[in-house]
Amino acid sequence: GPVASLPSDVLHTSSWRTLQPVIDRDRCTRCNFCWEFCPDDCFDLDAEGYPVVKLLYCKGCGICATECPPHAIWMVAET
């Protein structure tokens, strides 16, 4: 049968987020735990394999920062 689709802006959650993740590439080991544990699929990997946050979809839950073994992710106040 027919499949309903939602406009992509319906899935954007950044308007009510209070914290956002910031990645320290100097500490990042490219383990991809942030990518694996994020419940909202907010991470892409750049050409070098480093995580990049897709802020439009991030809810600011902080799971990425909690699960990061080298503590390369900080949650900072939304500006």
PDB file of N, CA and C in Angstrom:
ATOM      1  N   GLY A   1       0.811  -1.182   0.000  1.00  0.00           N
ATOM      2  CA  GLY A   1       0.000   0.000   0.000  1.00  0.00           C
ATOM      3  C   GLY A   1       0.857   1.249   0.000  1.00  0.00           C
ATOM      4  N   PRO A   2       0.202   2.376   0.088  1.00  0.00           N
ATOM      5  CA  PRO A   2       0.920   3.654   0.079  1.00  0.00           C
ATOM      6  C   PRO A   2       1.771   3.834   1.332  1.00  0.00           C
ATOM      7  N   VAL A   3       2.852   4.523   1.159  1.00  0.00           N
ATOM      8  CA  VAL A   3       3.768   4.800   2.262  1.00  0.00           C
ATOM      9  C   VAL A   3       3.769   6.303   2.508  1.00  0.00           C
ATOM     10  N   ALA A   4       3.492   6.686   3.740  1.00  0.00           N
ATOM     11  CA  ALA A   4       3.496   8.112   4.089  1.00  0.00           C
ATOM     12  C   ALA A   4       4.921   8.584   4.286  1.00  0.00           C
ATOM     13  N   SER A   5       5.179   9.798   3.907  1.00  0.00           N
ATOM     14  CA  SER A   5       6.502  10.369   4.147  1.00  0.00           C
ATOM     15  C   SER A   5       6.334  11.711   4.836  1.00  0.00           C
ATOM     16  N   LEU A   6       7.331  12.080   5.600  1.00  0.00           N
ATOM     17  CA  LEU A   6       7.318  13.347   6.318  1.00  0.00           C
ATOM     18  C   LEU A   6       8.326  14.290   5.690  1.00  0.00           C
ATOM     19  N   PRO A   7       8.008  15.581   5.649  1.00  0.00           N
ATOM     20  CA  PRO A   7       9.028  16.520   5.187  1.00  0.00           C
ATOM     21  C   PRO A   7      10.229  16.457   6.120  1.00  0.00           C
ATOM     22  N   SER A   8      11.409  16.633   5.582  1.00  0.00           N
ATOM     23  CA  SER A   8      12.618  16.473   6.395  1.00  0.00           C
ATOM     24  C   SER A   8      12.673  17.444   7.563  1.00  0.00           C
ATOM     25  N   ASP A   9      12.061  18.627   7.437  1.00  0.00           N
ATOM     26  CA  ASP A   9      12.134  19.582   8.542  1.00  0.00           C
ATOM     27  C   ASP A   9      11.317  19.148   9.754  1.00  0.00           C
ATOM     28  N   VAL A  10      10.404  18.203   9.589  1.00  0.00           N
ATOM     29  CA  VAL A  10       9.643  17.675  10.718  1.00  0.00           C
ATOM     30  C   VAL A  10      10.567  16.921  11.671  1.00  0.00           C
ATOM     31  N   LEU A  11      11.617  16.332  11.148  1.00  0.00           N
ATOM     32  CA  LEU A  11      12.538  15.532  11.947  1.00  0.00           C
ATOM     33  C   LEU A  11      13.643  16.360  12.601  1.00  0.00           C
ATOM     34  N   HIS A  12      13.740  17.634  12.250  1.00  0.00           N
ATOM     35  CA  HIS A  12      14.761  18.498  12.847  1.00  0.00           C
ATOM     36  C   HIS A  12      14.403  18.764  14.303  1.00  0.00           C
ATOM     37  N   THR A  13      15.347  18.555  15.188  1.00  0.00           N
ATOM     38  CA  THR A  13      15.086  18.728  16.622  1.00  0.00           C
ATOM     39  C   THR A  13      15.922  19.833  17.240  1.00  0.00           C
ATOM     40  N   SER A  14      16.704  20.493  16.440  1.00  0.00           N
ATOM     41  CA  SER A  14      17.651  21.457  16.994  1.00  0.00           C
ATOM     42  C   SER A  14      16.989  22.679  17.622  1.00  0.00           C
ATOM     43  N   SER A  15      15.744  22.956  17.314  1.00  0.00           N
ATOM     44  CA  SER A  15      15.112  24.174  17.827  1.00  0.00           C
ATOM     45  C   SER A  15      14.895  24.144  19.337  1.00  0.00           C
ATOM     46  N   TRP A  16      14.807  22.977  19.955  1.00  0.00           N
ATOM     47  CA  TRP A  16      14.581  22.910  21.399  1.00  0.00           C
ATOM     48  C   TRP A  16      15.751  22.316  22.180  1.00  0.00           C
ATOM     49  N   ARG A  17      16.840  22.030  21.519  1.00  0.00           N
ATOM     50  CA  ARG A  17      18.022  21.473  22.187  1.00  0.00           C
ATOM     51  C   ARG A  17      18.672  22.549  23.068  1.00  0.00           C
ATOM     52  N   THR A  18      19.153  22.175  24.250  1.00  0.00           N
ATOM     53  CA  THR A  18      19.838  23.126  25.136  1.00  0.00           C
ATOM     54  C   THR A  18      21.343  22.885  25.199  1.00  0.00           C
ATOM     55  N   LEU A  19      21.782  21.663  24.887  1.00  0.00           N
ATOM     56  CA  LEU A  19      23.205  21.324  24.853  1.00  0.00           C
ATOM     57  C   LEU A  19      23.541  20.723  23.501  1.00  0.00           C
ATOM     58  N   GLN A  20      24.760  20.958  23.055  1.00  0.00           N
ATOM     59  CA  GLN A  20      25.204  20.346  21.807  1.00  0.00           C
ATOM     60  C   GLN A  20      26.598  19.762  21.978  1.00  0.00           C
ATOM     61  N   PRO A  21      26.891  18.665  21.256  1.00  0.00           N
ATOM     62  CA  PRO A  21      28.208  18.044  21.370  1.00  0.00           C
ATOM     63  C   PRO A  21      29.269  18.795  20.568  1.00  0.00           C
ATOM     64  N   VAL A  22      30.446  18.867  21.148  1.00  0.00           N
ATOM     65  CA  VAL A  22      31.615  19.429  20.473  1.00  0.00           C
ATOM     66  C   VAL A  22      32.699  18.365  20.529  1.00  0.00           C
ATOM     67  N   ILE A  23      33.321  18.096  19.391  1.00  0.00           N
ATOM     68  CA  ILE A  23      34.323  17.028  19.290  1.00  0.00           C
ATOM     69  C   ILE A  23      35.724  17.618  19.240  1.00  0.00           C
ATOM     70  N   ASP A  24      36.600  17.107  20.084  1.00  0.00           N
ATOM     71  CA  ASP A  24      38.013  17.491  20.093  1.00  0.00           C
ATOM     72  C   ASP A  24      38.762  16.481  19.226  1.00  0.00           C
ATOM     73  N   ARG A  25      39.099  16.878  18.010  1.00  0.00           N
ATOM     74  CA  ARG A  25      39.766  15.960  17.075  1.00  0.00           C
ATOM     75  C   ARG A  25      41.135  15.515  17.575  1.00  0.00           C
ATOM     76  N   ASP A  26      41.767  16.307  18.425  1.00  0.00           N
ATOM     77  CA  ASP A  26      43.076  15.913  18.958  1.00  0.00           C
ATOM     78  C   ASP A  26      42.963  14.721  19.905  1.00  0.00           C
ATOM     79  N   ARG A  27      41.827  14.593  20.566  1.00  0.00           N
ATOM     80  CA  ARG A  27      41.621  13.471  21.495  1.00  0.00           C
ATOM     81  C   ARG A  27      40.886  12.302  20.837  1.00  0.00           C
ATOM     82  N   CYS A  28      40.176  12.573  19.760  1.00  0.00           N
ATOM     83  CA  CYS A  28      39.357  11.554  19.100  1.00  0.00           C
ATOM     84  C   CYS A  28      40.235  10.446  18.513  1.00  0.00           C
ATOM     85  N   THR A  29      39.861   9.201  18.795  1.00  0.00           N
ATOM     86  CA  THR A  29      40.598   8.041  18.271  1.00  0.00           C
ATOM     87  C   THR A  29      39.875   7.391  17.093  1.00  0.00           C
ATOM     88  N   ARG A  30      38.787   8.003  16.653  1.00  0.00           N
ATOM     89  CA  ARG A  30      37.968   7.492  15.543  1.00  0.00           C
ATOM     90  C   ARG A  30      37.422   6.095  15.833  1.00  0.00           C
ATOM     91  N   CYS A  31      37.042   5.863  17.083  1.00  0.00           N
ATOM     92  CA  CYS A  31      36.484   4.560  17.471  1.00  0.00           C
ATOM     93  C   CYS A  31      35.045   4.400  16.981  1.00  0.00           C
ATOM     94  N   ASN A  32      34.392   5.518  16.674  1.00  0.00           N
ATOM     95  CA  ASN A  32      33.013   5.548  16.170  1.00  0.00           C
ATOM     96  C   ASN A  32      31.967   5.153  17.202  1.00  0.00           C
ATOM     97  N   PHE A  33      32.314   5.143  18.485  1.00  0.00           N
ATOM     98  CA  PHE A  33      31.312   4.856  19.515  1.00  0.00           C
ATOM     99  C   PHE A  33      30.189   5.890  19.467  1.00  0.00           C
ATOM    100  N   CYS A  34      30.529   7.158  19.224  1.00  0.00           N
ATOM    101  CA  CYS A  34      29.502   8.202  19.152  1.00  0.00           C
ATOM    102  C   CYS A  34      28.489   7.861  18.064  1.00  0.00           C
ATOM    103  N   TRP A  35      28.980   7.455  16.926  1.00  0.00           N
ATOM    104  CA  TRP A  35      28.134   7.076  15.786  1.00  0.00           C
ATOM    105  C   TRP A  35      27.279   5.855  16.131  1.00  0.00           C
ATOM    106  N   GLU A  36      27.881   4.876  16.793  1.00  0.00           N
ATOM    107  CA  GLU A  36      27.166   3.645  17.128  1.00  0.00           C
ATOM    108  C   GLU A  36      26.100   3.846  18.201  1.00  0.00           C
ATOM    109  N   PHE A  37      26.373   4.681  19.202  1.00  0.00           N
ATOM    110  CA  PHE A  37      25.468   4.830  20.334  1.00  0.00           C
ATOM    111  C   PHE A  37      24.415   5.921  20.161  1.00  0.00           C
ATOM    112  N   CYS A  38      24.580   6.812  19.217  1.00  0.00           N
ATOM    113  CA  CYS A  38      23.627   7.914  19.041  1.00  0.00           C
ATOM    114  C   CYS A  38      22.253   7.377  18.648  1.00  0.00           C
ATOM    115  N   PRO A  39      21.221   7.652  19.458  1.00  0.00           N
ATOM    116  CA  PRO A  39      19.888   7.139  19.149  1.00  0.00           C
ATOM    117  C   PRO A  39      19.209   7.861  17.988  1.00  0.00           C
ATOM    118  N   ASP A  40      19.777   8.982  17.545  1.00  0.00           N
ATOM    119  CA  ASP A  40      19.142   9.768  16.489  1.00  0.00           C
ATOM    120  C   ASP A  40      19.966   9.873  15.216  1.00  0.00           C
ATOM    121  N   ASP A  41      20.984   9.030  15.089  1.00  0.00           N
ATOM    122  CA  ASP A  41      21.809   8.998  13.877  1.00  0.00           C
ATOM    123  C   ASP A  41      22.339  10.391  13.520  1.00  0.00           C
ATOM    124  N   CYS A  42      22.916  11.058  14.505  1.00  0.00           N
ATOM    125  CA  CYS A  42      23.382  12.436  14.337  1.00  0.00           C
ATOM    126  C   CYS A  42      24.828  12.565  13.894  1.00  0.00           C
ATOM    127  N   PHE A  43      25.472  11.459  13.596  1.00  0.00           N
ATOM    128  CA  PHE A  43      26.881  11.530  13.233  1.00  0.00           C
ATOM    129  C   PHE A  43      27.132  11.001  11.829  1.00  0.00           C
ATOM    130  N   ASP A  44      27.955  11.724  11.108  1.00  0.00           N
ATOM    131  CA  ASP A  44      28.532  11.266   9.848  1.00  0.00           C
ATOM    132  C   ASP A  44      30.025  11.165  10.100  1.00  0.00           C
ATOM    133  N   LEU A  45      30.730  10.540   9.189  1.00  0.00           N
ATOM    134  CA  LEU A  45      32.190  10.484   9.269  1.00  0.00           C
ATOM    135  C   LEU A  45      32.761  11.285   8.117  1.00  0.00           C
ATOM    136  N   ASP A  46      33.785  12.096   8.397  1.00  0.00           N
ATOM    137  CA  ASP A  46      34.411  12.863   7.328  1.00  0.00           C
ATOM    138  C   ASP A  46      35.371  11.976   6.543  1.00  0.00           C
ATOM    139  N   ALA A  47      36.052  12.539   5.578  1.00  0.00           N
ATOM    140  CA  ALA A  47      36.946  11.774   4.698  1.00  0.00           C
ATOM    141  C   ALA A  47      38.077  11.093   5.457  1.00  0.00           C
ATOM    142  N   GLU A  48      38.438  11.622   6.625  1.00  0.00           N
ATOM    143  CA  GLU A  48      39.512  11.039   7.432  1.00  0.00           C
ATOM    144  C   GLU A  48      38.989  10.084   8.497  1.00  0.00           C
ATOM    145  N   GLY A  49      37.672   9.881   8.540  1.00  0.00           N
ATOM    146  CA  GLY A  49      37.083   8.967   9.514  1.00  0.00           C
ATOM    147  C   GLY A  49      36.724   9.596  10.844  1.00  0.00           C
ATOM    148  N   TYR A  50      36.829  10.926  10.944  1.00  0.00           N
ATOM    149  CA  TYR A  50      36.448  11.614  12.173  1.00  0.00           C
ATOM    150  C   TYR A  50      34.944  11.879  12.173  1.00  0.00           C
ATOM    151  N   PRO A  51      34.316  11.811  13.344  1.00  0.00           N
ATOM    152  CA  PRO A  51      32.883  12.079  13.413  1.00  0.00           C
ATOM    153  C   PRO A  51      32.571  13.561  13.221  1.00  0.00           C
ATOM    154  N   VAL A  52      31.449  13.811  12.561  1.00  0.00           N
ATOM    155  CA  VAL A  52      30.924  15.154  12.351  1.00  0.00           C
ATOM    156  C   VAL A  52      29.472  15.132  12.824  1.00  0.00           C
ATOM    157  N   VAL A  53      29.094  16.073  13.662  1.00  0.00           N
ATOM    158  CA  VAL A  53      27.741  16.109  14.220  1.00  0.00           C
ATOM    159  C   VAL A  53      26.773  16.752  13.230  1.00  0.00           C
ATOM    160  N   LYS A  54      25.640  16.092  13.007  1.00  0.00           N
ATOM    161  CA  LYS A  54      24.551  16.670  12.215  1.00  0.00           C
ATOM    162  C   LYS A  54      23.614  17.355  13.218  1.00  0.00           C
ATOM    163  N   LEU A  55      23.866  18.628  13.486  1.00  0.00           N
ATOM    164  CA  LEU A  55      23.161  19.335  14.551  1.00  0.00           C
ATOM    165  C   LEU A  55      21.661  19.476  14.316  1.00  0.00           C
ATOM    166  N   LEU A  56      21.211  19.410  13.072  1.00  0.00           N
ATOM    167  CA  LEU A  56      19.771  19.520  12.819  1.00  0.00           C
ATOM    168  C   LEU A  56      18.981  18.391  13.458  1.00  0.00           C
ATOM    169  N   TYR A  57      19.629  17.262  13.698  1.00  0.00           N
ATOM    170  CA  TYR A  57      18.928  16.097  14.230  1.00  0.00           C
ATOM    171  C   TYR A  57      19.313  15.764  15.670  1.00  0.00           C
ATOM    172  N   CYS A  58      20.287  16.462  16.212  1.00  0.00           N
ATOM    173  CA  CYS A  58      20.776  16.194  17.569  1.00  0.00           C
ATOM    174  C   CYS A  58      19.806  16.742  18.607  1.00  0.00           C
ATOM    175  N   LYS A  59      19.455  15.904  19.576  1.00  0.00           N
ATOM    176  CA  LYS A  59      18.574  16.325  20.666  1.00  0.00           C
ATOM    177  C   LYS A  59      19.363  16.801  21.887  1.00  0.00           C
ATOM    178  N   GLY A  60      20.680  16.638  21.859  1.00  0.00           N
ATOM    179  CA  GLY A  60      21.502  17.077  22.982  1.00  0.00           C
ATOM    180  C   GLY A  60      21.446  16.152  24.176  1.00  0.00           C
ATOM    181  N   CYS A  61      21.194  14.870  23.946  1.00  0.00           N
ATOM    182  CA  CYS A  61      21.028  13.913  25.052  1.00  0.00           C
ATOM    183  C   CYS A  61      22.340  13.613  25.775  1.00  0.00           C
ATOM    184  N   GLY A  62      23.481  13.743  25.083  1.00  0.00           N
ATOM    185  CA  GLY A  62      24.779  13.527  25.711  1.00  0.00           C
ATOM    186  C   GLY A  62      25.261  12.091  25.747  1.00  0.00           C
ATOM    187  N   ILE A  63      24.525  11.172  25.139  1.00  0.00           N
ATOM    188  CA  ILE A  63      24.965   9.772  25.118  1.00  0.00           C
ATOM    189  C   ILE A  63      26.325   9.659  24.431  1.00  0.00           C
ATOM    190  N   CYS A  64      26.533  10.417  23.379  1.00  0.00           N
ATOM    191  CA  CYS A  64      27.812  10.372  22.661  1.00  0.00           C
ATOM    192  C   CYS A  64      28.970  10.731  23.591  1.00  0.00           C
ATOM    193  N   ALA A  65      28.794  11.785  24.385  1.00  0.00           N
ATOM    194  CA  ALA A  65      29.847  12.217  25.311  1.00  0.00           C
ATOM    195  C   ALA A  65      30.079  11.188  26.408  1.00  0.00           C
ATOM    196  N   THR A  66      29.009  10.580  26.883  1.00  0.00           N
ATOM    197  CA  THR A  66      29.118   9.569  27.939  1.00  0.00           C
ATOM    198  C   THR A  66      29.845   8.327  27.456  1.00  0.00           C
ATOM    199  N   GLU A  67      29.590   7.922  26.227  1.00  0.00           N
ATOM    200  CA  GLU A  67      30.157   6.684  25.687  1.00  0.00           C
ATOM    201  C   GLU A  67      31.528   6.851  25.043  1.00  0.00           C
ATOM    202  N   CYS A  68      32.011   8.064  24.900  1.00  0.00           N
ATOM    203  CA  CYS A  68      33.292   8.323  24.224  1.00  0.00           C
ATOM    204  C   CYS A  68      34.469   7.891  25.103  1.00  0.00           C
ATOM    205  N   PRO A  69      35.187   6.799  24.737  1.00  0.00           N
ATOM    206  CA  PRO A  69      36.289   6.304  25.577  1.00  0.00           C
ATOM    207  C   PRO A  69      37.404   7.326  25.838  1.00  0.00           C
ATOM    208  N   PRO A  70      37.843   8.115  24.828  1.00  0.00           N
ATOM    209  CA  PRO A  70      38.918   9.070  25.121  1.00  0.00           C
ATOM    210  C   PRO A  70      38.413  10.420  25.639  1.00  0.00           C
ATOM    211  N   HIS A  71      37.095  10.520  25.917  1.00  0.00           N
ATOM    212  CA  HIS A  71      36.498  11.766  26.413  1.00  0.00           C
ATOM    213  C   HIS A  71      36.788  12.928  25.464  1.00  0.00           C
ATOM    214  N   ALA A  72      36.547  12.687  24.178  1.00  0.00           N
ATOM    215  CA  ALA A  72      36.801  13.689  23.147  1.00  0.00           C
ATOM    216  C   ALA A  72      35.556  14.501  22.798  1.00  0.00           C
ATOM    217  N   ILE A  73      34.442  14.235  23.482  1.00  0.00           N
ATOM    218  CA  ILE A  73      33.200  14.961  23.206  1.00  0.00           C
ATOM    219  C   ILE A  73      32.736  15.644  24.480  1.00  0.00           C
ATOM    220  N   TRP A  74      32.456  16.934  24.359  1.00  0.00           N
ATOM    221  CA  TRP A  74      31.901  17.715  25.460  1.00  0.00           C
ATOM    222  C   TRP A  74      30.532  18.211  25.048  1.00  0.00           C
ATOM    223  N   MET A  75      29.648  18.295  26.025  1.00  0.00           N
ATOM    224  CA  MET A  75      28.338  18.898  25.798  1.00  0.00           C
ATOM    225  C   MET A  75      28.427  20.347  26.271  1.00  0.00           C
ATOM    226  N   VAL A  76      28.143  21.275  25.366  1.00  0.00           N
ATOM    227  CA  VAL A  76      28.229  22.698  25.687  1.00  0.00           C
ATOM    228  C   VAL A  76      26.860  23.342  25.501  1.00  0.00           C
ATOM    229  N   ALA A  77      26.644  24.446  26.192  1.00  0.00           N
ATOM    230  CA  ALA A  77      25.377  25.161  26.097  1.00  0.00           C
ATOM    231  C   ALA A  77      25.142  25.640  24.672  1.00  0.00           C
ATOM    232  N   GLU A  78      23.911  25.498  24.241  1.00  0.00           N
ATOM    233  CA  GLU A  78      23.504  25.975  22.920  1.00  0.00           C
ATOM    234  C   GLU A  78      23.647  27.493  22.879  1.00  0.00           C
ATOM    235  N   THR A  79      24.163  28.013  21.792  1.00  0.00           N
ATOM    236  CA  THR A  79      24.334  29.473  21.682  1.00  0.00           C
ATOM    237  C   THR A  79      23.298  30.083  20.779  1.00  0.00           C
TER     238      THR A  79
END
